[in-house]
Protein backbone atom coordinates (compact mmCIF):
# COMPACT_ATOMS: atom_id res chain seq x y z
CA MET A 1 58.27 11.31 38.94
CA SER A 2 58.19 13.24 42.28
CA GLN A 3 56.71 11.50 45.34
CA ALA A 4 56.87 14.63 47.59
CA HIS A 5 53.19 15.46 47.65
CA ALA A 6 51.00 14.29 50.56
CA LEU A 7 48.71 11.30 49.62
CA ASN A 8 45.00 11.99 49.92
CA ASN A 9 42.71 9.38 51.58
CA ALA A 10 41.83 7.69 48.28
CA GLU A 11 45.56 7.30 47.45
CA LEU A 12 46.30 5.97 50.92
CA LEU A 13 43.59 3.29 50.62
CA SER A 14 44.94 2.31 47.21
CA VAL A 15 48.35 1.91 48.71
CA LEU A 16 47.05 -0.32 51.56
CA ASP A 17 45.15 -2.37 48.96
CA TRP A 18 48.23 -2.87 46.98
CA TYR A 19 50.17 -3.91 50.08
CA HIS A 20 47.48 -6.39 51.05
CA ALA A 21 47.44 -7.76 47.55
CA ALA A 22 51.17 -8.27 47.75
CA GLY A 23 50.79 -10.20 51.12
CA VAL A 24 51.80 -7.39 53.51
CA ASP A 25 49.25 -7.53 56.31
CA LEU A 26 51.45 -7.12 59.44
CA ALA A 27 53.33 -4.17 60.67
CA VAL A 28 56.93 -4.76 61.69
CA GLY A 29 57.20 -1.69 63.90
CA GLU A 30 55.07 0.62 65.98
CA ASP A 31 55.64 3.82 64.29
CA PRO A 32 55.05 4.52 60.54
CA ILE A 33 58.04 5.35 58.33
CA ASP A 34 57.70 7.58 55.28
CA ARG A 35 60.00 5.78 52.82
CA PHE A 36 59.38 8.55 50.21
CA ALA A 37 61.00 11.23 52.43
CA GLN A 38 64.11 9.00 52.98
CA LYS A 39 67.07 9.78 50.82
CA PRO A 40 69.22 7.00 49.31
CA PRO A 41 72.62 6.69 50.83
CA ALA A 42 75.45 8.35 48.80
CA ALA A 43 77.01 5.85 46.39
CA ASN A 44 80.61 4.96 47.20
CA THR A 45 82.32 4.80 43.99
CA ALA A 46 85.80 4.01 45.41
CA ALA A 47 86.59 0.37 45.09
CA PRO A 48 87.61 -1.19 48.37
CA ALA A 49 91.25 -1.92 48.77
CA ARG A 50 92.29 -5.49 48.27
CA VAL A 51 94.51 -6.66 51.12
CA LEU A 52 96.67 -9.66 50.01
CA PRO A 53 97.83 -12.15 52.76
CA MET A 54 101.49 -12.35 53.58
CA PRO A 55 103.30 -15.31 52.21
CA GLY A 56 102.97 -18.24 54.51
CA ALA A 57 100.11 -16.61 56.56
CA PRO A 58 96.94 -18.76 57.15
CA ALA A 59 94.00 -18.09 54.99
CA PRO A 60 91.37 -15.77 56.69
CA ALA A 61 88.32 -17.60 58.15
CA PRO A 62 85.33 -17.50 55.86
CA ILE A 63 82.45 -15.10 56.89
CA PRO A 64 79.66 -17.03 58.30
CA LEU A 65 76.38 -16.85 56.56
CA ALA A 66 73.45 -15.42 58.35
CA ALA A 67 71.47 -17.99 60.13
CA GLY A 68 67.91 -18.84 58.69
CA PRO A 69 65.55 -21.62 57.93
CA VAL A 70 66.67 -24.24 55.69
CA GLY A 71 64.76 -26.94 53.75
CA GLY A 72 63.71 -29.77 55.87
CA ASP A 73 63.89 -33.48 55.22
CA PRO A 74 60.49 -35.28 54.78
CA THR A 75 62.18 -38.42 56.13
CA GLY A 76 63.12 -36.52 59.33
CA ALA A 77 59.61 -35.22 59.62
CA ARG A 78 58.08 -38.55 59.46
CA ALA A 79 60.42 -39.82 62.10
CA LEU A 80 59.68 -36.95 64.36
CA ALA A 81 55.83 -37.21 63.89
CA ALA A 82 56.00 -41.01 64.62
CA SER A 83 57.90 -40.41 67.81
CA ALA A 84 54.92 -38.51 69.33
CA GLN A 85 52.95 -40.65 71.73
CA SER A 86 50.34 -38.07 72.68
CA LEU A 87 48.94 -34.87 71.10
CA ASP A 88 50.73 -32.84 73.67
CA GLN A 89 54.03 -34.51 72.55
CA LEU A 90 53.17 -33.77 69.01
CA ARG A 91 52.43 -30.14 69.59
CA SER A 92 55.81 -29.77 71.51
CA ILE A 93 57.56 -31.29 68.56
CA LEU A 94 55.93 -28.97 66.12
CA GLU A 95 56.85 -26.00 68.35
CA THR A 96 60.58 -26.92 68.19
CA TYR A 97 60.54 -28.22 64.49
CA ASP A 98 62.49 -25.86 62.23
CA GLY A 99 62.30 -27.89 59.00
CA CYS A 100 59.45 -26.02 57.33
CA GLY A 101 60.08 -22.40 56.43
CA LEU A 102 56.53 -21.39 56.96
CA LYS A 103 57.24 -21.35 60.73
CA PHE A 104 59.60 -18.51 60.39
CA ARG A 105 57.05 -16.24 58.70
CA ALA A 106 54.13 -17.02 60.93
CA THR A 107 53.25 -15.56 64.32
CA GLN A 108 52.74 -18.82 66.05
CA LEU A 109 51.71 -22.38 65.70
CA VAL A 110 47.98 -23.08 65.05
CA PHE A 111 47.79 -26.77 66.24
CA ALA A 112 44.12 -27.48 66.92
CA ASP A 113 40.85 -26.75 68.68
CA GLY A 114 37.97 -28.68 70.09
CA ASN A 115 37.74 -32.04 71.98
CA PRO A 116 40.69 -34.37 71.41
CA GLU A 117 38.31 -37.28 72.49
CA ALA A 118 35.78 -36.46 69.74
CA LYS A 119 34.94 -38.99 67.16
CA ILE A 120 34.39 -36.36 64.43
CA MET A 121 37.52 -34.55 62.98
CA LEU A 122 37.44 -31.56 60.77
CA ILE A 123 40.55 -30.68 58.71
CA GLY A 124 40.96 -27.34 57.14
CA GLU A 125 43.56 -25.95 54.71
CA ALA A 126 45.97 -23.52 56.36
CA PRO A 127 45.74 -20.80 59.01
CA GLY A 128 44.59 -17.15 57.99
CA ALA A 129 45.59 -13.94 59.47
CA GLU A 130 43.13 -14.13 62.42
CA GLU A 131 44.13 -17.81 63.21
CA ASP A 132 47.71 -16.76 63.03
CA ARG A 133 47.17 -14.09 65.70
CA GLN A 134 45.07 -16.31 68.07
CA GLY A 135 46.62 -19.58 67.59
CA LYS A 136 43.41 -21.37 67.04
CA PRO A 137 41.93 -22.75 63.64
CA PHE A 138 38.69 -21.31 62.30
CA VAL A 139 38.29 -18.02 64.15
CA GLY A 140 37.04 -14.76 62.72
CA ARG A 141 34.09 -14.70 60.19
CA SER A 142 34.82 -18.21 58.73
CA GLY A 143 34.92 -19.61 62.11
CA GLN A 144 31.74 -17.96 63.22
CA LEU A 145 30.05 -19.38 60.20
CA LEU A 146 31.53 -22.84 60.93
CA ASP A 147 30.14 -22.72 64.50
CA ARG A 148 26.73 -22.00 62.99
CA MET A 149 26.97 -24.72 60.62
CA LEU A 150 27.95 -27.24 63.37
CA ALA A 151 25.07 -25.93 65.65
CA ALA A 152 22.59 -26.58 62.93
CA ILE A 153 23.11 -30.40 63.29
CA GLY A 154 23.56 -30.34 66.99
CA LEU A 155 27.41 -30.01 67.22
CA ASP A 156 29.71 -27.52 68.69
CA ARG A 157 33.50 -27.42 69.39
CA THR A 158 33.21 -29.64 72.45
CA LYS A 159 31.95 -32.47 70.16
CA VAL A 160 34.50 -32.07 67.37
CA TYR A 161 38.13 -31.82 66.81
CA ILE A 162 39.47 -29.26 64.44
CA ALA A 163 42.91 -29.07 62.69
CA ASN A 164 44.59 -27.81 59.52
CA SER A 165 46.53 -29.52 56.87
CA VAL A 166 49.34 -27.02 57.57
CA PRO A 167 49.91 -25.61 61.07
CA TRP A 168 51.53 -22.36 60.17
CA ARG A 169 50.07 -19.47 58.03
CA PRO A 170 51.60 -19.09 54.56
CA PRO A 171 52.56 -15.52 53.77
CA GLY A 172 49.77 -13.48 52.35
CA ASN A 173 47.41 -16.56 52.68
CA ARG A 174 48.94 -18.13 49.66
CA ALA A 175 48.52 -21.84 49.01
CA PRO A 176 51.32 -24.01 50.70
CA SER A 177 53.84 -25.24 48.18
CA PRO A 178 54.14 -28.96 47.47
CA GLU A 179 57.34 -29.02 49.46
CA GLU A 180 55.78 -27.34 52.45
CA MET A 181 52.80 -29.71 52.23
CA GLU A 182 55.21 -32.75 52.20
CA LEU A 183 56.95 -31.58 55.34
CA CYS A 184 53.69 -30.82 57.16
CA LEU A 185 51.90 -33.93 56.12
CA PRO A 186 53.51 -36.43 58.48
CA PHE A 187 52.43 -34.34 61.49
CA LEU A 188 48.84 -34.27 60.25
CA HIS A 189 48.79 -37.96 59.71
CA ARG A 190 50.15 -38.54 63.25
CA GLN A 191 47.55 -36.07 64.60
CA VAL A 192 44.76 -38.16 62.96
CA GLU A 193 46.16 -41.34 64.36
CA LEU A 194 46.23 -40.06 67.88
CA VAL A 195 42.85 -38.60 67.71
CA ALA A 196 41.48 -41.78 65.81
CA PRO A 197 38.15 -40.22 64.69
CA LYS A 198 35.39 -42.35 63.38
CA LEU A 199 34.47 -39.52 60.78
CA VAL A 200 36.60 -37.01 58.98
CA VAL A 201 35.25 -33.97 57.22
CA THR A 202 37.69 -31.91 55.06
CA LEU A 203 36.95 -28.20 54.57
CA GLY A 204 37.84 -26.79 51.17
CA GLY A 205 39.61 -28.17 48.10
CA SER A 206 43.16 -27.98 49.25
CA ALA A 207 42.42 -30.01 52.34
CA MET A 208 40.33 -32.55 50.29
CA GLN A 209 43.08 -33.06 47.75
CA THR A 210 45.62 -33.57 50.60
CA VAL A 211 43.58 -36.07 52.58
CA PHE A 212 41.82 -37.79 49.86
CA LYS A 213 45.04 -37.89 47.62
CA THR A 214 43.25 -36.65 44.61
CA SER A 215 43.47 -33.83 42.03
CA VAL A 216 39.72 -33.82 41.43
CA GLY A 217 37.88 -30.49 42.14
CA ILE A 218 35.91 -29.90 45.33
CA ILE A 219 32.68 -29.37 43.49
CA LYS A 220 32.65 -32.82 42.10
CA MET A 221 33.84 -34.59 45.33
CA ARG A 222 31.93 -32.74 47.98
CA GLY A 223 29.20 -34.60 49.85
CA LYS A 224 30.58 -38.13 48.91
CA TRP A 225 31.75 -40.52 51.61
CA GLU A 226 34.74 -42.67 51.17
CA ASP A 227 36.71 -45.10 53.16
CA LEU A 228 39.94 -43.38 53.98
CA SER A 229 43.31 -44.37 55.33
CA ILE A 230 45.02 -41.46 56.88
CA GLY A 231 48.53 -42.58 58.21
CA ALA A 232 47.77 -45.87 59.85
CA HIS A 233 44.22 -44.93 60.83
CA ALA A 234 41.21 -46.26 58.84
CA THR A 235 38.11 -44.03 58.91
CA HIS A 236 35.20 -42.58 56.73
CA GLY A 237 35.68 -39.25 55.12
CA MET A 238 33.70 -36.63 53.32
CA PRO A 239 34.81 -33.31 51.73
CA THR A 240 32.65 -30.15 51.96
CA LEU A 241 33.09 -26.51 51.15
CA HIS A 242 35.23 -24.27 53.14
CA PRO A 243 33.23 -21.51 55.30
CA ALA A 244 35.37 -18.74 53.69
CA TYR A 245 34.12 -20.02 50.22
CA LEU A 246 30.51 -19.85 51.40
CA LEU A 247 30.93 -16.29 52.62
CA ARG A 248 32.17 -15.24 49.15
CA ASN A 249 29.50 -17.37 47.45
CA PRO A 250 26.40 -17.44 49.63
CA ALA A 251 24.52 -19.52 46.89
CA ALA A 252 26.72 -22.41 47.61
CA LYS A 253 25.30 -22.69 51.25
CA GLN A 254 22.63 -25.03 49.89
CA GLN A 255 25.17 -27.50 48.83
CA ALA A 256 26.99 -27.25 52.17
CA TRP A 257 23.71 -27.76 53.99
CA ARG A 258 23.24 -31.01 52.11
CA ASP A 259 26.69 -32.06 53.23
CA LEU A 260 25.78 -31.34 56.80
CA LEU A 261 22.60 -33.40 56.69
CA SER A 262 24.76 -36.22 55.17
CA LEU A 263 27.13 -35.86 58.27
CA LYS A 264 24.16 -36.03 60.63
CA MET A 265 22.85 -39.10 58.91
CA LYS A 266 26.26 -40.77 59.19
CA MET A 267 26.57 -39.84 62.81
CA ASP A 268 23.19 -41.32 63.59
CA ALA A 269 24.02 -44.51 61.81
CA LEU A 270 27.17 -45.01 63.74
CA GLY A 271 25.54 -43.98 66.97
CA LEU A 272 27.54 -40.70 67.33
CA GLY A 273 24.61 -38.34 67.66
């Protein structure tokens, strides 16, 4: 089928939708390239001549493979995370850590936002496209909704500390693989240990399952407080719905509001208001 005709607006939008669904959401060059107008290189049917080494000559050196990310070692990740004595050190370690392949596909590290002295810590799932661009968790529409949710109970980003289960954006906003989660989890645990929050609220099902070590769904678990051990830190934790989910399902905001009221009551009981 010929692809020589110019695409109309509807067809162009359809192509963009297809790219977005495939996880392509960043341009790699400033100028667009019409791949349909390019001609494939002519096939070279002649087999390359095979050069045999002279008798007694040393074997040719192997061609080195292209450098790239390799799978990390969870034991090494745990040792690196444990060596951090401050949040600044932990951030520096993550910036130089090459064990998780997500780093090589993300724009930058998304470490944290808010007050590191806060006694309330919010843990999300993984950075999205806007977080990847700005280097901060929960920005864009979901971040704006989160700010309004916090303001409804007298909180803002100066009174909470916000992090993600995974500090690099997965391509196309896919869910992190179990291997990627295992490599990132020691750094999240150390982050919690260094912040030492009295209350932890997870946002979304993936963050809940990671922090609470459960396979139960978010709808069944949300709004319930539990005693938690995250790394070596003991705290109280509650899961609630992710702001992005609330944007897609506005009717669920009623459930999230009940969770916020429960958080406010817990803050008051512990003198954190």
